[in-house]
Amino acid sequence: MQTAKQQAESVLRHLPDNCTLEDIQYHLYVLEKISKGRKDIEDGRSFTADEAKERLASWLAN
């Protein structure tokens, strides 16, 4: 497992030299959201597609 610094270095290595600070921030943001999502799945905090549809339907009905 990579450290946060190693992950950031990897992102920087893969971005083009002419990228902006906004590009870097976006890619780091996406990487963090993916990591949090994977952790949620590991911890059982996720829903199947059918469960999500049911929850959305109940929210929209109210």
Protein backbone atom coordinates (compact mmCIF):
# COMPACT_ATOMS: atom_id res chain seq x y z
CA MET A 1 0.00 0.00 0.00
CA GLN A 2 1.34 3.39 -0.99
CA THR A 3 1.61 6.30 1.40
CA ALA A 4 -0.27 9.51 0.59
CA LYS A 5 3.01 11.12 -0.48
CA GLN A 6 3.79 8.23 -2.81
CA GLN A 7 0.31 8.46 -4.32
CA ALA A 8 0.74 12.21 -4.90
CA GLU A 9 4.15 11.63 -6.49
CA SER A 10 2.61 9.03 -8.80
CA VAL A 11 -0.12 11.47 -9.85
CA LEU A 12 2.49 14.14 -10.58
CA ARG A 13 4.62 11.73 -12.64
CA HIS A 14 1.65 10.82 -14.83
CA LEU A 15 0.39 14.34 -15.49
CA PRO A 16 1.80 16.34 -18.40
CA ASP A 17 4.37 19.03 -17.71
CA ASN A 18 1.96 21.76 -18.76
CA CYS A 19 -0.79 20.80 -16.27
CA THR A 20 -2.20 23.44 -13.98
CA LEU A 21 -2.47 23.45 -10.20
CA GLU A 22 -6.19 22.95 -10.69
CA ASP A 23 -5.47 19.77 -12.71
CA ILE A 24 -3.26 18.47 -9.90
CA GLN A 25 -5.88 19.27 -7.26
CA TYR A 26 -8.60 17.56 -9.28
CA HIS A 27 -6.61 14.36 -9.73
CA LEU A 28 -5.68 14.23 -6.05
CA TYR A 29 -9.34 14.84 -5.13
CA VAL A 30 -10.49 11.97 -7.35
CA LEU A 31 -7.82 9.68 -5.92
CA GLU A 32 -8.99 10.49 -2.38
CA LYS A 33 -12.66 9.86 -3.25
CA ILE A 34 -11.78 6.49 -4.80
CA SER A 35 -9.81 5.53 -1.68
CA LYS A 36 -12.70 6.52 0.60
CA GLY A 37 -15.16 4.58 -1.58
CA ARG A 38 -13.03 1.44 -1.44
CA LYS A 39 -12.78 1.76 2.34
CA ASP A 40 -16.56 2.13 2.59
CA ILE A 41 -17.02 -1.05 0.54
CA GLU A 42 -14.54 -2.94 2.75
CA ASP A 43 -16.41 -1.76 5.85
CA GLY A 44 -19.79 -2.80 4.44
CA ARG A 45 -21.04 0.75 3.88
CA SER A 46 -22.41 0.25 0.38
CA PHE A 47 -25.64 -0.62 -1.40
CA THR A 48 -26.51 -2.77 -4.39
CA ALA A 49 -27.95 -1.03 -7.43
CA ASP A 50 -31.42 -2.33 -6.52
CA GLU A 51 -31.11 -1.07 -2.93
CA ALA A 52 -30.02 2.34 -4.19
CA LYS A 53 -33.01 2.49 -6.57
CA GLU A 54 -35.38 1.66 -3.72
CA ARG A 55 -33.87 4.35 -1.50
CA LEU A 56 -34.04 6.95 -4.26
CA ALA A 57 -37.63 6.03 -5.05
CA SER A 58 -38.64 6.50 -1.42
CA TRP A 59 -36.85 9.87 -1.24
CA LEU A 60 -38.52 11.09 -4.42
CA ALA A 61 -41.95 9.92 -3.23
CA ASN A 62 -41.80 12.21 -0.20
